[in-house]
Amino acid sequence: MTRTALCPNCTCGMTQLTLAAHYGMTVEIDHCAQCRLLWFDQMETANLARDGLLALFRLIAAAEPTAEKPLNDVLRCPRCTGLLDRIHNMSRYGRMIHHRCRSAHGHAVTHAQFLAEKGLLRNVTEADLAQPAQRLLALSCRQCGAPLNALKDCNCPYCSAPVVMLDLERAVAVLADHDRRRHDLEAREAADRDAAFEHLMAALNGQ
C-alpha cells in the first residue's frame, strides 16, 4: 500500500489499495481511513472480483470506531481538484448515493455508501437498539455523514435519515449471487470461443 492522491474530504494523503479484478487482473483504488472514504476511478467498482470485494469488506469491518470524520459540504476530485456532485441513483438493491467528479475522473463513496451499493445494509429497527451487543454501522450517517456514536433511535438526529446496519444474511446472498453471475459470464464466453473456433474450422475445411 502506498500514499497517493489527496482525500476529497480532509485533503490528507489516501492509501492506494491493489485489489483483485476479473480475468486475473487487478484494480487500484484509494482509501482514507480517517474519513472512511473510498475513491474509484471510472469503472473500478464494477471490475472488482469476489476476492477484491472480500478484501474491501474486511477493510470496512476492521475500521476503528474513533477514526471518523463527517463529510464536508464541498468535496473535491483527487485527480483534478474539481467539485464532486452528490448523485442519487438506484441499484438493484435500492437507493444509493455517491459523489461524482464533474469531469468523469471517478467517484467517492463512504464505507456505508459502498455497502449500500452492494446491497449489504438494512435499516436499524427498535429491536436492534434494544441489543447493545449488536455492532451497528451507525458510526456515521449514510445520508449526511454526521457521527452517530450515541444512537438512541432509528433515525439520524441531524438529518432524520434512517440509520443502517450491516445485513449479514444479505451479505452471504450477495457474494453467492456475484459468484453465480461470474460463472454464467465465463460459461457464455467459453461457448462463444468454441463457436468461433468451430466456425473457423468449418470455413477452412470448405476451402
C-alpha atoms as a PDB file:
ATOM      1  CA  MET A   1       0.000   0.000   0.000  1.00  0.00           C
ATOM      2  CA  THR A   2       1.295   3.420  -0.919  1.00  0.00           C
ATOM      3  CA  ARG A   3       0.252   7.015  -0.342  1.00  0.00           C
ATOM      4  CA  THR A   4      -1.261   8.535  -3.450  1.00  0.00           C
ATOM      5  CA  ALA A   5      -3.967  11.110  -4.116  1.00  0.00           C
ATOM      6  CA  LEU A   6      -5.447  13.525  -1.581  1.00  0.00           C
ATOM      7  CA  CYS A   7      -8.716  12.693   0.146  1.00  0.00           C
ATOM      8  CA  PRO A   8     -11.725  14.563  -1.340  1.00  0.00           C
ATOM      9  CA  ASN A   9     -12.870  15.359   2.209  1.00  0.00           C
ATOM     10  CA  CYS A  10      -9.888  16.052   4.503  1.00  0.00           C
ATOM     11  CA  THR A  11      -7.192  16.513   1.788  1.00  0.00           C
ATOM     12  CA  CYS A  12      -4.799  14.159   3.596  1.00  0.00           C
ATOM     13  CA  GLY A  13      -2.962  11.536   1.563  1.00  0.00           C
ATOM     14  CA  MET A  14      -5.019   8.446   0.835  1.00  0.00           C
ATOM     15  CA  THR A  15      -3.734   4.870   0.832  1.00  0.00           C
ATOM     16  CA  GLN A  16      -3.671   3.069  -2.501  1.00  0.00           C
ATOM     17  CA  LEU A  17      -5.118  -0.448  -2.398  1.00  0.00           C
ATOM     18  CA  THR A  18      -4.497  -3.098  -5.049  1.00  0.00           C
ATOM     19  CA  LEU A  19      -7.493  -5.439  -5.314  1.00  0.00           C
ATOM     20  CA  ALA A  20      -8.369  -8.497  -7.376  1.00  0.00           C
ATOM     21  CA  ALA A  21     -10.351  -7.831 -10.552  1.00  0.00           C
ATOM     22  CA  HIS A  22     -11.901 -10.067 -13.202  1.00  0.00           C
ATOM     23  CA  TYR A  23      -9.787 -12.099 -15.664  1.00  0.00           C
ATOM     24  CA  GLY A  24      -6.877 -12.278 -13.219  1.00  0.00           C
ATOM     25  CA  MET A  25      -6.325  -8.521 -13.398  1.00  0.00           C
ATOM     26  CA  THR A  26      -6.083  -6.019 -10.534  1.00  0.00           C
ATOM     27  CA  VAL A  27      -7.521  -2.575  -9.885  1.00  0.00           C
ATOM     28  CA  GLU A  28      -6.142   0.188  -7.700  1.00  0.00           C
ATOM     29  CA  ILE A  29      -8.442   2.280  -5.538  1.00  0.00           C
ATOM     30  CA  ASP A  30      -7.723   4.949  -2.927  1.00  0.00           C
ATOM     31  CA  HIS A  31      -8.847   4.879   0.694  1.00  0.00           C
ATOM     32  CA  CYS A  32      -8.932   7.454   3.503  1.00  0.00           C
ATOM     33  CA  ALA A  33      -9.223   5.636   6.841  1.00  0.00           C
ATOM     34  CA  GLN A  34      -9.915   8.848   8.773  1.00  0.00           C
ATOM     35  CA  CYS A  35     -12.931   9.797   6.639  1.00  0.00           C
ATOM     36  CA  ARG A  36     -13.916   6.223   5.775  1.00  0.00           C
ATOM     37  CA  LEU A  37     -13.942   7.262   2.149  1.00  0.00           C
ATOM     38  CA  LEU A  38     -13.181   5.205  -0.962  1.00  0.00           C
ATOM     39  CA  TRP A  39     -12.232   6.633  -4.355  1.00  0.00           C
ATOM     40  CA  PHE A  40     -12.884   4.677  -7.567  1.00  0.00           C
ATOM     41  CA  ASP A  41     -11.551   5.758 -10.953  1.00  0.00           C
ATOM     42  CA  GLN A  42     -14.284   5.297 -13.573  1.00  0.00           C
ATOM     43  CA  MET A  43     -15.437   1.628 -13.682  1.00  0.00           C
ATOM     44  CA  GLU A  44     -13.154   0.170 -10.986  1.00  0.00           C
ATOM     45  CA  THR A  45     -16.035  -0.776  -8.698  1.00  0.00           C
ATOM     46  CA  ALA A  46     -17.700  -2.845 -11.442  1.00  0.00           C
ATOM     47  CA  ASN A  47     -14.430  -4.642 -12.231  1.00  0.00           C
ATOM     48  CA  LEU A  48     -13.847  -5.936  -8.698  1.00  0.00           C
ATOM     49  CA  ALA A  49     -13.744  -9.719  -8.459  1.00  0.00           C
ATOM     50  CA  ARG A  50     -15.041 -11.678  -5.473  1.00  0.00           C
ATOM     51  CA  ASP A  51     -11.662 -11.630  -3.708  1.00  0.00           C
ATOM     52  CA  GLY A  52     -11.445  -7.871  -4.256  1.00  0.00           C
ATOM     53  CA  LEU A  53     -14.884  -7.368  -2.742  1.00  0.00           C
ATOM     54  CA  LEU A  54     -13.995  -9.548   0.237  1.00  0.00           C
ATOM     55  CA  ALA A  55     -10.818  -7.540   0.821  1.00  0.00           C
ATOM     56  CA  LEU A  56     -12.851  -4.319   0.892  1.00  0.00           C
ATOM     57  CA  PHE A  57     -15.445  -5.848   3.215  1.00  0.00           C
ATOM     58  CA  ARG A  58     -12.655  -6.857   5.618  1.00  0.00           C
ATOM     59  CA  LEU A  59     -11.163  -3.363   5.457  1.00  0.00           C
ATOM     60  CA  ILE A  60     -14.520  -1.805   6.295  1.00  0.00           C
ATOM     61  CA  ALA A  61     -15.194  -4.289   9.105  1.00  0.00           C
ATOM     62  CA  ALA A  62     -11.795  -3.510  10.662  1.00  0.00           C
ATOM     63  CA  ALA A  63     -12.342   0.274  10.673  1.00  0.00           C
ATOM     64  CA  GLU A  64     -11.664   1.894  14.044  1.00  0.00           C
ATOM     65  CA  PRO A  65     -14.814   3.410  15.633  1.00  0.00           C
ATOM     66  CA  THR A  66     -12.885   6.575  16.527  1.00  0.00           C
ATOM     67  CA  ALA A  67     -11.423   7.058  13.041  1.00  0.00           C
ATOM     68  CA  GLU A  68     -14.293   9.079  11.726  1.00  0.00           C
ATOM     69  CA  LYS A  69     -14.741  12.497  10.148  1.00  0.00           C
ATOM     70  CA  PRO A  70     -18.103  13.791   8.822  1.00  0.00           C
ATOM     71  CA  LEU A  71     -18.224  14.707   5.144  1.00  0.00           C
ATOM     72  CA  ASN A  72     -17.792  18.353   4.245  1.00  0.00           C
ATOM     73  CA  ASP A  73     -20.343  20.188   2.148  1.00  0.00           C
ATOM     74  CA  VAL A  74     -17.694  20.552  -0.576  1.00  0.00           C
ATOM     75  CA  LEU A  75     -15.737  17.520  -1.808  1.00  0.00           C
ATOM     76  CA  ARG A  76     -13.038  17.713  -4.479  1.00  0.00           C
ATOM     77  CA  CYS A  77     -11.773  15.239  -7.046  1.00  0.00           C
ATOM     78  CA  PRO A  78      -8.330  13.828  -6.129  1.00  0.00           C
ATOM     79  CA  ARG A  79      -7.385  13.824  -9.825  1.00  0.00           C
ATOM     80  CA  CYS A  80      -8.354  17.338 -10.976  1.00  0.00           C
ATOM     81  CA  THR A  81      -9.438  19.083  -7.699  1.00  0.00           C
ATOM     82  CA  GLY A  82     -12.775  19.879  -9.349  1.00  0.00           C
ATOM     83  CA  LEU A  83     -16.022  19.688  -7.396  1.00  0.00           C
ATOM     84  CA  LEU A  84     -17.769  16.386  -6.763  1.00  0.00           C
ATOM     85  CA  ASP A  85     -21.530  16.285  -7.287  1.00  0.00           C
ATOM     86  CA  ARG A  86     -23.723  14.347  -4.865  1.00  0.00           C
ATOM     87  CA  ILE A  87     -25.575  11.827  -7.045  1.00  0.00           C
ATOM     88  CA  HIS A  88     -28.653   9.801  -6.068  1.00  0.00           C
ATOM     89  CA  ASN A  89     -29.019   6.615  -8.106  1.00  0.00           C
ATOM     90  CA  MET A  90     -30.846   3.310  -7.902  1.00  0.00           C
ATOM     91  CA  SER A  91     -29.029  -0.017  -7.851  1.00  0.00           C
ATOM     92  CA  ARG A  92     -30.598  -3.471  -7.959  1.00  0.00           C
ATOM     93  CA  TYR A  93     -30.663  -3.278  -4.142  1.00  0.00           C
ATOM     94  CA  GLY A  94     -32.333   0.120  -3.825  1.00  0.00           C
ATOM     95  CA  ARG A  95     -31.339   3.754  -3.424  1.00  0.00           C
ATOM     96  CA  MET A  96     -27.643   4.635  -3.395  1.00  0.00           C
ATOM     97  CA  ILE A  97     -25.515   7.780  -3.104  1.00  0.00           C
ATOM     98  CA  HIS A  98     -22.090   8.602  -4.475  1.00  0.00           C
ATOM     99  CA  HIS A  99     -20.032  11.727  -5.132  1.00  0.00           C
ATOM    100  CA  ARG A 100     -19.071  12.020  -8.806  1.00  0.00           C
ATOM    101  CA  CYS A 101     -16.378  14.113 -10.469  1.00  0.00           C
ATOM    102  CA  ARG A 102     -17.857  16.569 -12.969  1.00  0.00           C
ATOM    103  CA  SER A 103     -15.023  15.719 -15.364  1.00  0.00           C
ATOM    104  CA  ALA A 104     -15.740  11.963 -15.108  1.00  0.00           C
ATOM    105  CA  HIS A 105     -12.484  11.045 -13.351  1.00  0.00           C
ATOM    106  CA  GLY A 106     -14.342   8.795 -10.919  1.00  0.00           C
ATOM    107  CA  HIS A 107     -16.421   8.887  -7.757  1.00  0.00           C
ATOM    108  CA  ALA A 108     -16.112   8.777  -3.973  1.00  0.00           C
ATOM    109  CA  VAL A 109     -18.250   6.780  -1.555  1.00  0.00           C
ATOM    110  CA  THR A 110     -18.210   6.337   2.206  1.00  0.00           C
ATOM    111  CA  HIS A 111     -17.924   2.845   3.670  1.00  0.00           C
ATOM    112  CA  ALA A 112     -21.665   2.806   4.301  1.00  0.00           C
ATOM    113  CA  GLN A 113     -22.490   4.073   0.810  1.00  0.00           C
ATOM    114  CA  PHE A 114     -20.322   1.354  -0.741  1.00  0.00           C
ATOM    115  CA  LEU A 115     -22.018  -1.359   1.312  1.00  0.00           C
ATOM    116  CA  ALA A 116     -25.424   0.060   0.397  1.00  0.00           C
ATOM    117  CA  GLU A 117     -24.473  -0.055  -3.294  1.00  0.00           C
ATOM    118  CA  LYS A 118     -23.665  -3.760  -2.870  1.00  0.00           C
ATOM    119  CA  GLY A 119     -26.927  -4.411  -1.023  1.00  0.00           C
ATOM    120  CA  LEU A 120     -25.343  -5.157   2.350  1.00  0.00           C
ATOM    121  CA  LEU A 121     -27.204  -2.690   4.578  1.00  0.00           C
ATOM    122  CA  ARG A 122     -30.635  -2.630   6.149  1.00  0.00           C
ATOM    123  CA  ASN A 123     -32.443  -0.099   8.288  1.00  0.00           C
ATOM    124  CA  VAL A 124     -31.945  -0.299  12.047  1.00  0.00           C
ATOM    125  CA  THR A 125     -35.041  -1.390  13.975  1.00  0.00           C
ATOM    126  CA  GLU A 126     -36.184  -0.866  17.558  1.00  0.00           C
ATOM    127  CA  ALA A 127     -35.228  -4.479  18.242  1.00  0.00           C
ATOM    128  CA  ASP A 128     -31.641  -3.727  17.164  1.00  0.00           C
ATOM    129  CA  LEU A 129     -31.450  -0.748  19.524  1.00  0.00           C
ATOM    130  CA  ALA A 130     -32.531  -2.975  22.408  1.00  0.00           C
ATOM    131  CA  GLN A 131     -29.489  -5.211  21.873  1.00  0.00           C
ATOM    132  CA  PRO A 132     -26.306  -3.309  22.828  1.00  0.00           C
ATOM    133  CA  ALA A 133     -24.166  -6.232  21.693  1.00  0.00           C
ATOM    134  CA  GLN A 134     -25.193  -5.561  18.104  1.00  0.00           C
ATOM    135  CA  ARG A 135     -22.492  -3.805  16.128  1.00  0.00           C
ATOM    136  CA  LEU A 136     -24.384  -1.195  14.138  1.00  0.00           C
ATOM    137  CA  LEU A 137     -22.911   0.504  11.127  1.00  0.00           C
ATOM    138  CA  ALA A 138     -24.118   3.690  12.779  1.00  0.00           C
ATOM    139  CA  LEU A 139     -20.841   5.414  13.428  1.00  0.00           C
ATOM    140  CA  SER A 140     -21.612   7.875  10.650  1.00  0.00           C
ATOM    141  CA  CYS A 141     -24.856   8.703   8.893  1.00  0.00           C
ATOM    142  CA  ARG A 142     -25.095   7.360   5.364  1.00  0.00           C
ATOM    143  CA  GLN A 143     -27.094  10.427   4.351  1.00  0.00           C
ATOM    144  CA  CYS A 144     -25.235  13.408   5.883  1.00  0.00           C
ATOM    145  CA  GLY A 145     -22.028  11.854   7.279  1.00  0.00           C
ATOM    146  CA  ALA A 146     -22.688  13.007  10.866  1.00  0.00           C
ATOM    147  CA  PRO A 147     -21.262  10.872  13.730  1.00  0.00           C
ATOM    148  CA  LEU A 148     -23.808   8.662  15.492  1.00  0.00           C
ATOM    149  CA  ASN A 149     -21.862   7.229  18.397  1.00  0.00           C
ATOM    150  CA  ALA A 150     -24.716   7.640  20.914  1.00  0.00           C
ATOM    151  CA  LEU A 151     -27.569   6.263  18.840  1.00  0.00           C
ATOM    152  CA  LYS A 152     -30.915   6.354  20.672  1.00  0.00           C
ATOM    153  CA  ASP A 153     -33.448   5.833  17.880  1.00  0.00           C
ATOM    154  CA  CYS A 154     -33.654   4.575  14.312  1.00  0.00           C
ATOM    155  CA  ASN A 155     -33.086   7.937  12.638  1.00  0.00           C
ATOM    156  CA  CYS A 156     -30.126  10.306  12.417  1.00  0.00           C
ATOM    157  CA  PRO A 157     -30.602  13.167  14.935  1.00  0.00           C
ATOM    158  CA  TYR A 158     -29.083  15.621  12.430  1.00  0.00           C
ATOM    159  CA  CYS A 159     -30.875  14.898   9.129  1.00  0.00           C
ATOM    160  CA  SER A 160     -33.550  12.356  10.219  1.00  0.00           C
ATOM    161  CA  ALA A 161     -32.383   9.781   7.660  1.00  0.00           C
ATOM    162  CA  PRO A 162     -32.888   6.109   8.621  1.00  0.00           C
ATOM    163  CA  VAL A 163     -29.811   4.618  10.288  1.00  0.00           C
ATOM    164  CA  VAL A 164     -28.467   1.457   8.689  1.00  0.00           C
ATOM    165  CA  MET A 165     -26.517  -1.599   9.780  1.00  0.00           C
ATOM    166  CA  LEU A 166     -24.775  -4.493   8.086  1.00  0.00           C
ATOM    167  CA  ASP A 167     -27.168  -7.213   6.890  1.00  0.00           C
ATOM    168  CA  LEU A 168     -25.121 -10.410   7.266  1.00  0.00           C
ATOM    169  CA  GLU A 169     -27.692 -12.671   5.601  1.00  0.00           C
ATOM    170  CA  ARG A 170     -27.821 -10.436   2.560  1.00  0.00           C
ATOM    171  CA  ALA A 171     -24.013 -10.250   2.506  1.00  0.00           C
ATOM    172  CA  VAL A 172     -23.834 -14.026   2.084  1.00  0.00           C
ATOM    173  CA  ALA A 173     -26.525 -13.901  -0.610  1.00  0.00           C
ATOM    174  CA  VAL A 174     -24.775 -11.089  -2.492  1.00  0.00           C
ATOM    175  CA  LEU A 175     -21.482 -12.989  -2.606  1.00  0.00           C
ATOM    176  CA  ALA A 176     -23.281 -16.121  -3.818  1.00  0.00           C
ATOM    177  CA  ASP A 177     -25.072 -14.090  -6.494  1.00  0.00           C
ATOM    178  CA  HIS A 178     -21.773 -12.481  -7.504  1.00  0.00           C
ATOM    179  CA  ASP A 179     -20.225 -15.946  -7.944  1.00  0.00           C
ATOM    180  CA  ARG A 180     -23.226 -17.194  -9.942  1.00  0.00           C
ATOM    181  CA  ARG A 181     -23.232 -14.226 -12.340  1.00  0.00           C
ATOM    182  CA  ARG A 182     -19.468 -14.518 -12.819  1.00  0.00           C
ATOM    183  CA  HIS A 183     -19.790 -18.252 -13.556  1.00  0.00           C
ATOM    184  CA  ASP A 184     -22.588 -17.591 -16.081  1.00  0.00           C
ATOM    185  CA  LEU A 185     -20.486 -14.944 -17.830  1.00  0.00           C
ATOM    186  CA  GLU A 186     -17.468 -17.236 -18.060  1.00  0.00           C
ATOM    187  CA  ALA A 187     -19.665 -20.043 -19.431  1.00  0.00           C
ATOM    188  CA  ARG A 188     -21.081 -17.746 -22.136  1.00  0.00           C
ATOM    189  CA  GLU A 189     -17.605 -16.534 -23.085  1.00  0.00           C
ATOM    190  CA  ALA A 190     -16.346 -20.124 -23.328  1.00  0.00           C
ATOM    191  CA  ALA A 191     -19.322 -21.046 -25.536  1.00  0.00           C
ATOM    192  CA  ASP A 192     -18.641 -18.046 -27.784  1.00  0.00           C
ATOM    193  CA  ARG A 193     -14.991 -19.066 -28.156  1.00  0.00           C
ATOM    194  CA  ASP A 194     -15.973 -22.633 -29.029  1.00  0.00           C
ATOM    195  CA  ALA A 195     -18.497 -21.412 -31.596  1.00  0.00           C
ATOM    196  CA  ALA A 196     -15.938 -19.080 -33.173  1.00  0.00           C
ATOM    197  CA  PHE A 197     -13.393 -21.911 -33.385  1.00  0.00           C
ATOM    198  CA  GLU A 198     -15.924 -24.268 -34.989  1.00  0.00           C
ATOM    199  CA  HIS A 199     -16.899 -21.564 -37.480  1.00  0.00           C
ATOM    200  CA  LEU A 200     -13.242 -21.026 -38.377  1.00  0.00           C
ATOM    201  CA  MET A 201     -12.603 -24.755 -38.821  1.00  0.00           C
ATOM    202  CA  ALA A 202     -15.706 -25.114 -40.981  1.00  0.00           C
ATOM    203  CA  ALA A 203     -14.545 -22.231 -43.147  1.00  0.00           C
ATOM    204  CA  LEU A 204     -11.067 -23.748 -43.519  1.00  0.00           C
ATOM    205  CA  ASN A 205     -12.447 -27.190 -44.374  1.00  0.00           C
ATOM    206  CA  GLY A 206     -14.662 -25.641 -47.012  1.00  0.00           C
ATOM    207  CA  GLN A 207     -11.724 -24.124 -48.870  1.00  0.00           C
END
